[in-house]
Amino acid sequence: SICKGLSVKRCKLSHMLTCGLYFGVFQAAMPLIGY
């Protein structure tokens, strides 16, 4: 996410929410699958 933030000229709420949602959903789903 830091790298993604580095890549944008102007940080928008949509950039932050996109990263948060993709990574948050997968970080929640993967331990459930492993469990």
All heavy atoms as atom14 arrays in JSON, in Angstrom:
{
  "sequence": "SICKGLSVKRCKLSHMLTCGLYFGVFQAAMPLIGY",
  "atom14_mask": [
    [1, 1, 1, 1, 1, 1, 0, 0, 0, 0, 0, 0, 0, 0],
    [1, 1, 1, 1, 1, 1, 1, 1, 0, 0, 0, 0, 0, 0],
    [1, 1, 1, 1, 1, 1, 0, 0, 0, 0, 0, 0, 0, 0],
    [1, 1, 1, 1, 1, 1, 1, 1, 1, 0, 0, 0, 0, 0],
    [1, 1, 1, 1, 0, 0, 0, 0, 0, 0, 0, 0, 0, 0],
    [1, 1, 1, 1, 1, 1, 1, 1, 0, 0, 0, 0, 0, 0],
    [1, 1, 1, 1, 1, 1, 0, 0, 0, 0, 0, 0, 0, 0],
    [1, 1, 1, 1, 1, 1, 1, 0, 0, 0, 0, 0, 0, 0],
    [1, 1, 1, 1, 1, 1, 1, 1, 1, 0, 0, 0, 0, 0],
    [1, 1, 1, 1, 1, 1, 1, 1, 1, 1, 1, 0, 0, 0],
    [1, 1, 1, 1, 1, 1, 0, 0, 0, 0, 0, 0, 0, 0],
    [1, 1, 1, 1, 1, 1, 1, 1, 1, 0, 0, 0, 0, 0],
    [1, 1, 1, 1, 1, 1, 1, 1, 0, 0, 0, 0, 0, 0],
    [1, 1, 1, 1, 1, 1, 0, 0, 0, 0, 0, 0, 0, 0],
    [1, 1, 1, 1, 1, 1, 1, 1, 1, 1, 0, 0, 0, 0],
    [1, 1, 1, 1, 1, 1, 1, 1, 0, 0, 0, 0, 0, 0],
    [1, 1, 1, 1, 1, 1, 1, 1, 0, 0, 0, 0, 0, 0],
    [1, 1, 1, 1, 1, 1, 1, 0, 0, 0, 0, 0, 0, 0],
    [1, 1, 1, 1, 1, 1, 0, 0, 0, 0, 0, 0, 0, 0],
    [1, 1, 1, 1, 0, 0, 0, 0, 0, 0, 0, 0, 0, 0],
    [1, 1, 1, 1, 1, 1, 1, 1, 0, 0, 0, 0, 0, 0],
    [1, 1, 1, 1, 1, 1, 1, 1, 1, 1, 1, 1, 0, 0],
    [1, 1, 1, 1, 1, 1, 1, 1, 1, 1, 1, 0, 0, 0],
    [1, 1, 1, 1, 0, 0, 0, 0, 0, 0, 0, 0, 0, 0],
    [1, 1, 1, 1, 1, 1, 1, 0, 0, 0, 0, 0, 0, 0],
    [1, 1, 1, 1, 1, 1, 1, 1, 1, 1, 1, 0, 0, 0],
    [1, 1, 1, 1, 1, 1, 1, 1, 1, 0, 0, 0, 0, 0],
    [1, 1, 1, 1, 1, 0, 0, 0, 0, 0, 0, 0, 0, 0],
    [1, 1, 1, 1, 1, 0, 0, 0, 0, 0, 0, 0, 0, 0],
    [1, 1, 1, 1, 1, 1, 1, 1, 0, 0, 0, 0, 0, 0],
    [1, 1, 1, 1, 1, 1, 1, 0, 0, 0, 0, 0, 0, 0],
    [1, 1, 1, 1, 1, 1, 1, 1, 0, 0, 0, 0, 0, 0],
    [1, 1, 1, 1, 1, 1, 1, 1, 0, 0, 0, 0, 0, 0],
    [1, 1, 1, 1, 0, 0, 0, 0, 0, 0, 0, 0, 0, 0],
    [1, 1, 1, 1, 1, 1, 1, 1, 1, 1, 1, 1, 0, 0]
  ],
  "atom14_positions": [
    [[0.83, -1.2, 0.0], [0.0, 0.0, 0.0], [0.86, 1.26, 0.0], [0.52, 2.25, -0.66], [-0.94, 0.01, 1.21], [-1.85, -1.05, 1.12], [0.0, 0.0, 0.0], [0.0, 0.0, 0.0], [0.0, 0.0, 0.0], [0.0, 0.0, 0.0], [0.0, 0.0, 0.0], [0.0, 0.0, 0.0], [0.0, 0.0, 0.0], [0.0, 0.0, 0.0]],
    [[1.97, 1.23, 0.72], [2.91, 2.35, 0.68], [3.4, 2.55, -0.75], [3.44, 3.68, -1.26], [4.09, 2.14, 1.65], [3.61, 2.27, 3.09], [5.21, 3.14, 1.37], [4.65, 1.92, 4.14], [0.0, 0.0, 0.0], [0.0, 0.0, 0.0], [0.0, 0.0, 0.0], [0.0, 0.0, 0.0], [0.0, 0.0, 0.0], [0.0, 0.0, 0.0]],
    [[3.76, 1.45, -1.42], [4.22, 1.55, -2.81], [3.13, 2.13, -3.71], [3.41, 2.93, -4.6], [4.65, 0.18, -3.32], [6.17, -0.4, -2.57], [0.0, 0.0, 0.0], [0.0, 0.0, 0.0], [0.0, 0.0, 0.0], [0.0, 0.0, 0.0], [0.0, 0.0, 0.0], [0.0, 0.0, 0.0], [0.0, 0.0, 0.0], [0.0, 0.0, 0.0]],
    [[1.91, 1.67, -3.49], [0.8, 2.2, -4.28], [0.64, 3.7, -4.02], [0.39, 4.48, -4.93], [-0.5, 1.46, -3.98], [-0.53, 0.02, -4.45], [-0.24, -0.05, -5.93], [-1.35, -0.68, -6.7], [-1.04, -0.75, -8.13], [0.0, 0.0, 0.0], [0.0, 0.0, 0.0], [0.0, 0.0, 0.0], [0.0, 0.0, 0.0], [0.0, 0.0, 0.0]],
    [[0.79, 4.12, -2.77], [0.72, 5.53, -2.44], [1.83, 6.34, -3.09], [1.63, 7.49, -3.5], [0.0, 0.0, 0.0], [0.0, 0.0, 0.0], [0.0, 0.0, 0.0], [0.0, 0.0, 0.0], [0.0, 0.0, 0.0], [0.0, 0.0, 0.0], [0.0, 0.0, 0.0], [0.0, 0.0, 0.0], [0.0, 0.0, 0.0], [0.0, 0.0, 0.0]],
    [[3.0, 5.73, -3.19], [4.13, 6.41, -3.85], [3.85, 6.65, -5.33], [4.38, 7.58, -5.92], [5.39, 5.54, -3.74], [6.02, 5.43, -2.37], [7.08, 4.34, -2.38], [6.61, 6.76, -1.97], [0.0, 0.0, 0.0], [0.0, 0.0, 0.0], [0.0, 0.0, 0.0], [0.0, 0.0, 0.0], [0.0, 0.0, 0.0], [0.0, 0.0, 0.0]],
    [[3.04, 5.8, -5.92], [2.83, 5.83, -7.36], [1.81, 6.86, -7.81], [1.69, 7.11, -9.01], [2.4, 4.45, -7.86], [1.08, 4.15, -7.44], [0.0, 0.0, 0.0], [0.0, 0.0, 0.0], [0.0, 0.0, 0.0], [0.0, 0.0, 0.0], [0.0, 0.0, 0.0], [0.0, 0.0, 0.0], [0.0, 0.0, 0.0], [0.0, 0.0, 0.0]],
    [[1.07, 7.44, -6.87], [0.05, 8.4, -7.26], [0.54, 9.82, -7.04], [1.24, 10.09, -6.07], [-1.29, 8.17, -6.51], [-1.88, 6.83, -6.87], [-1.12, 8.28, -5.02], [0.0, 0.0, 0.0], [0.0, 0.0, 0.0], [0.0, 0.0, 0.0], [0.0, 0.0, 0.0], [0.0, 0.0, 0.0], [0.0, 0.0, 0.0], [0.0, 0.0, 0.0]],
    [[0.19, 10.69, -7.95], [0.58, 12.09, -7.82], [-0.24, 12.77, -6.72], [0.26, 13.57, -5.96], [0.39, 12.81, -9.14], [1.37, 12.41, -10.21], [1.2, 13.3, -11.42], [2.04, 13.04, -12.6], [2.96, 12.07, -12.74], [0.0, 0.0, 0.0], [0.0, 0.0, 0.0], [0.0, 0.0, 0.0], [0.0, 0.0, 0.0], [0.0, 0.0, 0.0]],
    [[-1.5, 12.41, -6.64], [-2.4, 12.98, -5.64], [-3.2, 11.83, -5.03], [-3.94, 11.15, -5.73], [-3.33, 13.99, -6.3], [-4.2, 14.74, -5.33], [-4.93, 15.89, -6.03], [-6.04, 16.32, -5.21], [-7.29, 15.88, -5.35], [-7.58, 15.01, -6.28], [-8.23, 16.31, -4.54], [0.0, 0.0, 0.0], [0.0, 0.0, 0.0], [0.0, 0.0, 0.0]],
    [[-3.06, 11.63, -3.74], [-3.74, 10.53, -3.06], [-5.23, 10.86, -2.92], [-5.6, 11.91, -2.41], [-3.12, 10.31, -1.69], [-3.8, 8.93, -0.79], [0.0, 0.0, 0.0], [0.0, 0.0, 0.0], [0.0, 0.0, 0.0], [0.0, 0.0, 0.0], [0.0, 0.0, 0.0], [0.0, 0.0, 0.0], [0.0, 0.0, 0.0], [0.0, 0.0, 0.0]],
    [[-6.06, 9.93, -3.4], [-7.51, 10.1, -3.31], [-8.08, 9.06, -2.35], [-7.48, 8.01, -2.13], [-8.15, 9.9, -4.69], [-7.71, 10.9, -5.72], [-8.37, 10.58, -7.05], [-7.87, 11.49, -8.14], [-8.39, 11.1, -9.45], [0.0, 0.0, 0.0], [0.0, 0.0, 0.0], [0.0, 0.0, 0.0], [0.0, 0.0, 0.0], [0.0, 0.0, 0.0]],
    [[-9.25, 9.35, -1.83], [-9.95, 8.41, -0.96], [-10.17, 7.08, -1.69], [-10.05, 6.01, -1.09], [-11.28, 8.99, -0.49], [-12.12, 8.11, 0.43], [-11.36, 7.79, 1.72], [-13.45, 8.77, 0.74], [0.0, 0.0, 0.0], [0.0, 0.0, 0.0], [0.0, 0.0, 0.0], [0.0, 0.0, 0.0], [0.0, 0.0, 0.0], [0.0, 0.0, 0.0]],
    [[-10.46, 7.15, -2.98], [-10.7, 5.91, -3.75], [-9.45, 5.04, -3.79], [-9.56, 3.81, -3.77], [-11.17, 6.23, -5.17], [-10.17, 6.94, -5.88], [0.0, 0.0, 0.0], [0.0, 0.0, 0.0], [0.0, 0.0, 0.0], [0.0, 0.0, 0.0], [0.0, 0.0, 0.0], [0.0, 0.0, 0.0], [0.0, 0.0, 0.0], [0.0, 0.0, 0.0]],
    [[-8.26, 5.63, -3.84], [-7.02, 4.85, -3.81], [-6.89, 4.11, -2.48], [-6.56, 2.92, -2.44], [-5.79, 5.74, -4.0], [-5.72, 6.42, -5.33], [-5.34, 7.73, -5.46], [-6.0, 5.98, -6.58], [-5.37, 8.07, -6.73], [-5.77, 7.02, -7.44], [0.0, 0.0, 0.0], [0.0, 0.0, 0.0], [0.0, 0.0, 0.0], [0.0, 0.0, 0.0]],
    [[-7.15, 4.83, -1.41], [-7.02, 4.23, -0.08], [-8.06, 3.13, 0.14], [-7.73, 2.05, 0.65], [-7.14, 5.31, 1.0], [-6.0, 6.31, 0.97], [-6.02, 7.52, 2.3], [-7.45, 8.49, 1.9], [0.0, 0.0, 0.0], [0.0, 0.0, 0.0], [0.0, 0.0, 0.0], [0.0, 0.0, 0.0], [0.0, 0.0, 0.0], [0.0, 0.0, 0.0]],
    [[-9.3, 3.38, -0.26], [-10.35, 2.38, -0.08], [-10.12, 1.15, -0.96], [-10.39, 0.02, -0.53], [-11.73, 2.98, -0.37], [-12.23, 4.0, 0.65], [-13.56, 4.6, 0.2], [-12.36, 3.37, 2.03], [0.0, 0.0, 0.0], [0.0, 0.0, 0.0], [0.0, 0.0, 0.0], [0.0, 0.0, 0.0], [0.0, 0.0, 0.0], [0.0, 0.0, 0.0]],
    [[-9.62, 1.35, -2.17], [-9.34, 0.21, -3.06], [-8.31, -0.71, -2.43], [-8.52, -1.92, -2.34], [-8.86, 0.7, -4.44], [-9.9, 1.47, -5.04], [-8.51, -0.47, -5.34], [0.0, 0.0, 0.0], [0.0, 0.0, 0.0], [0.0, 0.0, 0.0], [0.0, 0.0, 0.0], [0.0, 0.0, 0.0], [0.0, 0.0, 0.0], [0.0, 0.0, 0.0]],
    [[-7.2, -0.14, -1.97], [-6.18, -0.98, -1.32], [-6.72, -1.62, -0.05], [-6.53, -2.81, 0.18], [-4.94, -0.14, -1.0], [-3.84, 0.1, -2.39], [0.0, 0.0, 0.0], [0.0, 0.0, 0.0], [0.0, 0.0, 0.0], [0.0, 0.0, 0.0], [0.0, 0.0, 0.0], [0.0, 0.0, 0.0], [0.0, 0.0, 0.0], [0.0, 0.0, 0.0]],
    [[-7.39, -0.83, 0.77], [-7.93, -1.35, 2.02], [-8.89, -2.51, 1.8], [-8.81, -3.54, 2.48], [0.0, 0.0, 0.0], [0.0, 0.0, 0.0], [0.0, 0.0, 0.0], [0.0, 0.0, 0.0], [0.0, 0.0, 0.0], [0.0, 0.0, 0.0], [0.0, 0.0, 0.0], [0.0, 0.0, 0.0], [0.0, 0.0, 0.0], [0.0, 0.0, 0.0]],
    [[-9.79, -2.37, 0.84], [-10.77, -3.42, 0.59], [-10.13, -4.67, -0.01], [-10.41, -5.79, 0.45], [-11.89, -2.91, -0.31], [-12.88, -1.98, 0.37], [-13.83, -1.35, -0.66], [-13.67, -2.71, 1.44], [0.0, 0.0, 0.0], [0.0, 0.0, 0.0], [0.0, 0.0, 0.0], [0.0, 0.0, 0.0], [0.0, 0.0, 0.0], [0.0, 0.0, 0.0]],
    [[-9.31, -4.52, -1.04], [-8.68, -5.71, -1.63], [-7.86, -6.47, -0.6], [-8.04, -7.68, -0.41], [-7.79, -5.32, -2.82], [-8.5, -5.35, -4.14], [-9.0, -4.18, -4.7], [-8.69, -6.54, -4.83], [-9.66, -4.19, -5.91], [-9.36, -6.56, -6.05], [-9.84, -5.39, -6.58], [-10.5, -5.4, -7.78], [0.0, 0.0, 0.0], [0.0, 0.0, 0.0]],
    [[-6.97, -5.76, 0.06], [-6.07, -6.45, 0.99], [-6.81, -6.93, 2.23], [-6.55, -8.03, 2.73], [-4.89, -5.55, 1.36], [-4.0, -5.24, 0.19], [-3.61, -3.95, -0.07], [-3.54, -6.24, -0.66], [-2.78, -3.64, -1.14], [-2.73, -5.95, -1.74], [-2.34, -4.64, -1.98], [0.0, 0.0, 0.0], [0.0, 0.0, 0.0], [0.0, 0.0, 0.0]],
    [[-7.74, -6.13, 2.75], [-8.5, -6.54, 3.93], [-9.35, -7.77, 3.7], [-9.37, -8.69, 4.51], [0.0, 0.0, 0.0], [0.0, 0.0, 0.0], [0.0, 0.0, 0.0], [0.0, 0.0, 0.0], [0.0, 0.0, 0.0], [0.0, 0.0, 0.0], [0.0, 0.0, 0.0], [0.0, 0.0, 0.0], [0.0, 0.0, 0.0], [0.0, 0.0, 0.0]],
    [[-10.04, -7.81, 2.55], [-10.88, -8.97, 2.23], [-10.03, -10.23, 2.07], [-10.37, -11.3, 2.61], [-11.74, -8.7, 0.98], [-12.36, -9.98, 0.44], [-12.82, -7.68, 1.29], [0.0, 0.0, 0.0], [0.0, 0.0, 0.0], [0.0, 0.0, 0.0], [0.0, 0.0, 0.0], [0.0, 0.0, 0.0], [0.0, 0.0, 0.0], [0.0, 0.0, 0.0]],
    [[-8.93, -10.12, 1.36], [-8.1, -11.32, 1.15], [-7.4, -11.75, 2.44], [-7.25, -12.94, 2.68], [-7.09, -11.1, 0.02], [-7.66, -11.42, -1.33], [-8.44, -10.5, -2.0], [-7.46, -12.67, -1.89], [-9.0, -10.8, -3.23], [-8.0, -12.98, -3.12], [-8.78, -12.05, -3.8], [0.0, 0.0, 0.0], [0.0, 0.0, 0.0], [0.0, 0.0, 0.0]],
    [[-6.98, -10.79, 3.27], [-6.36, -11.16, 4.55], [-7.36, -11.82, 5.48], [-6.98, -12.58, 6.35], [-5.74, -9.94, 5.24], [-4.47, -9.44, 4.6], [-3.27, -10.35, 4.81], [-3.35, -11.41, 5.41], [-2.15, -9.92, 4.29], [0.0, 0.0, 0.0], [0.0, 0.0, 0.0], [0.0, 0.0, 0.0], [0.0, 0.0, 0.0], [0.0, 0.0, 0.0]],
    [[-8.65, -11.55, 5.3], [-9.67, -12.22, 6.11], [-10.06, -13.57, 5.5], [-10.27, -14.55, 6.23], [-10.91, -11.33, 6.23], [0.0, 0.0, 0.0], [0.0, 0.0, 0.0], [0.0, 0.0, 0.0], [0.0, 0.0, 0.0], [0.0, 0.0, 0.0], [0.0, 0.0, 0.0], [0.0, 0.0, 0.0], [0.0, 0.0, 0.0], [0.0, 0.0, 0.0]],
    [[-10.13, -13.64, 4.19], [-10.58, -14.88, 3.53], [-9.53, -15.99, 3.59], [-9.88, -17.16, 3.79], [-10.93, -14.59, 2.07], [0.0, 0.0, 0.0], [0.0, 0.0, 0.0], [0.0, 0.0, 0.0], [0.0, 0.0, 0.0], [0.0, 0.0, 0.0], [0.0, 0.0, 0.0], [0.0, 0.0, 0.0], [0.0, 0.0, 0.0], [0.0, 0.0, 0.0]],
    [[-8.28, -15.65, 3.45], [-7.25, -16.69, 3.41], [-7.11, -17.45, 4.72], [-7.01, -18.68, 4.7], [-5.91, -16.1, 2.97], [-5.92, -15.68, 1.52], [-6.23, -17.05, 0.39], [-4.77, -16.95, -0.6], [0.0, 0.0, 0.0], [0.0, 0.0, 0.0], [0.0, 0.0, 0.0], [0.0, 0.0, 0.0], [0.0, 0.0, 0.0], [0.0, 0.0, 0.0]],
    [[-7.12, -16.81, 5.9], [-7.05, -17.62, 7.12], [-8.3, -18.48, 7.31], [-8.22, -19.57, 7.87], [-6.89, -16.62, 8.25], [-6.96, -15.29, 7.68], [-7.0, -15.4, 6.19], [0.0, 0.0, 0.0], [0.0, 0.0, 0.0], [0.0, 0.0, 0.0], [0.0, 0.0, 0.0], [0.0, 0.0, 0.0], [0.0, 0.0, 0.0], [0.0, 0.0, 0.0]],
    [[-9.44, -18.0, 6.81], [-10.65, -18.8, 6.89], [-10.5, -20.07, 6.05], [-10.82, -21.17, 6.5], [-11.87, -17.99, 6.42], [-13.2, -18.74, 6.41], [-13.56, -19.22, 7.82], [-14.29, -17.85, 5.85], [0.0, 0.0, 0.0], [0.0, 0.0, 0.0], [0.0, 0.0, 0.0], [0.0, 0.0, 0.0], [0.0, 0.0, 0.0], [0.0, 0.0, 0.0]],
    [[-9.98, -19.92, 4.85], [-9.73, -21.09, 3.99], [-8.73, -22.03, 4.65], [-8.93, -23.24, 4.69], [-9.24, -20.64, 2.6], [-10.36, -19.9, 1.86], [-8.74, -21.83, 1.77], [-9.9, -19.15, 0.62], [0.0, 0.0, 0.0], [0.0, 0.0, 0.0], [0.0, 0.0, 0.0], [0.0, 0.0, 0.0], [0.0, 0.0, 0.0], [0.0, 0.0, 0.0]],
    [[-7.64, -21.47, 5.19], [-6.64, -22.28, 5.89], [-7.23, -22.99, 7.1], [-6.93, -24.16, 7.36], [0.0, 0.0, 0.0], [0.0, 0.0, 0.0], [0.0, 0.0, 0.0], [0.0, 0.0, 0.0], [0.0, 0.0, 0.0], [0.0, 0.0, 0.0], [0.0, 0.0, 0.0], [0.0, 0.0, 0.0], [0.0, 0.0, 0.0], [0.0, 0.0, 0.0]],
    [[-8.1, -22.31, 7.82], [-8.75, -22.89, 8.98], [-9.62, -24.09, 8.57], [-9.59, -25.14, 9.21], [-9.6, -21.83, 9.68], [-10.35, -22.32, 10.89], [-9.74, -22.31, 12.14], [-11.66, -22.78, 10.8], [-10.43, -22.74, 13.26], [-12.35, -23.21, 11.92], [-11.73, -23.19, 13.14], [-12.39, -23.63, 14.24], [0.0, 0.0, 0.0], [0.0, 0.0, 0.0]]
  ]
}
